[in-house]
Amino acid sequence: MTTTNAELTIHERQTVPVHVCLDADIVERFLKTGPDWGRRINAALRDWLKTHSPHEIQL
C-alpha cells in the first residue's frame, strides 16, 4: 500500500535541510516561541500555502 504525502502526519513527513536568509525580526519572533521554532516556521509556511501560491509573491 502506498502512502501519499497528504496521509502522513507532520512527524512522518520527510524533511530537507536548507539554508535560507530571513529578516532578523521574523527570526526573533519565532525564536521567542522556544524550542522547535524552525518547525513552527515550516508550519506557518505550510498553512500559508493552503490558500496561496508562491507565484503570488512579488519580490
Protein backbone atom coordinates (compact mmCIF):
# COMPACT_ATOMS: atom_id res chain seq x y z
CA MET A 1 0.00 0.00 0.00
CA THR A 2 1.44 3.39 -0.99
CA THR A 3 1.06 6.30 1.41
CA THR A 4 0.60 9.77 -0.06
CA ASN A 5 2.14 12.88 1.48
CA ALA A 6 -1.34 14.08 2.44
CA GLU A 7 -1.82 10.95 4.56
CA LEU A 8 1.39 11.46 6.52
CA THR A 9 1.36 13.19 9.88
CA ILE A 10 3.65 16.17 10.41
CA HIS A 11 6.11 13.91 12.25
CA GLU A 12 6.27 11.39 9.38
CA ARG A 13 6.94 13.89 6.57
CA GLN A 14 10.43 13.82 5.18
CA THR A 15 12.37 17.00 5.88
CA VAL A 16 15.12 18.50 3.77
CA PRO A 17 17.78 20.66 5.42
CA VAL A 18 18.04 24.04 3.67
CA HIS A 19 19.80 27.35 4.24
CA VAL A 20 17.61 30.43 3.87
CA CYS A 21 18.12 34.07 4.79
CA LEU A 22 15.25 35.52 6.80
CA ASP A 23 14.68 39.02 8.12
CA ALA A 24 16.01 39.45 11.66
CA ASP A 25 12.62 40.46 13.07
CA ILE A 26 10.99 37.30 11.70
CA VAL A 27 13.67 35.07 13.23
CA GLU A 28 13.43 36.94 16.54
CA ARG A 29 9.68 36.41 16.77
CA PHE A 30 9.98 32.68 16.09
CA LEU A 31 12.99 32.28 18.43
CA LYS A 32 10.89 33.74 21.25
CA THR A 33 8.48 30.80 20.87
CA GLY A 34 11.16 28.45 22.25
CA PRO A 35 12.46 25.10 21.07
CA ASP A 36 11.27 23.84 17.69
CA TRP A 37 10.94 27.38 16.35
CA GLY A 38 12.14 26.13 12.95
CA ARG A 39 9.30 23.63 12.85
CA ARG A 40 6.87 26.47 13.57
CA ILE A 41 8.25 28.42 10.60
CA ASN A 42 7.65 25.32 8.47
CA ALA A 43 4.10 25.02 9.85
CA ALA A 44 3.43 28.70 9.12
CA LEU A 45 4.60 28.27 5.53
CA ARG A 46 2.52 25.11 5.11
CA ASP A 47 -0.57 26.91 6.46
CA TRP A 48 0.01 29.89 4.11
CA LEU A 49 0.32 27.55 1.13
CA LYS A 50 -3.18 26.19 1.80
CA THR A 51 -4.64 29.44 0.44
CA HIS A 52 -1.81 30.97 -1.60
CA SER A 53 0.70 30.16 -4.30
CA PRO A 54 4.40 31.04 -4.13
CA HIS A 55 3.91 32.66 -7.53
CA GLU A 56 1.78 35.37 -5.85
CA ILE A 57 4.79 36.85 -4.06
CA GLN A 58 6.25 39.96 -5.64
CA LEU A 59 9.98 40.31 -4.95
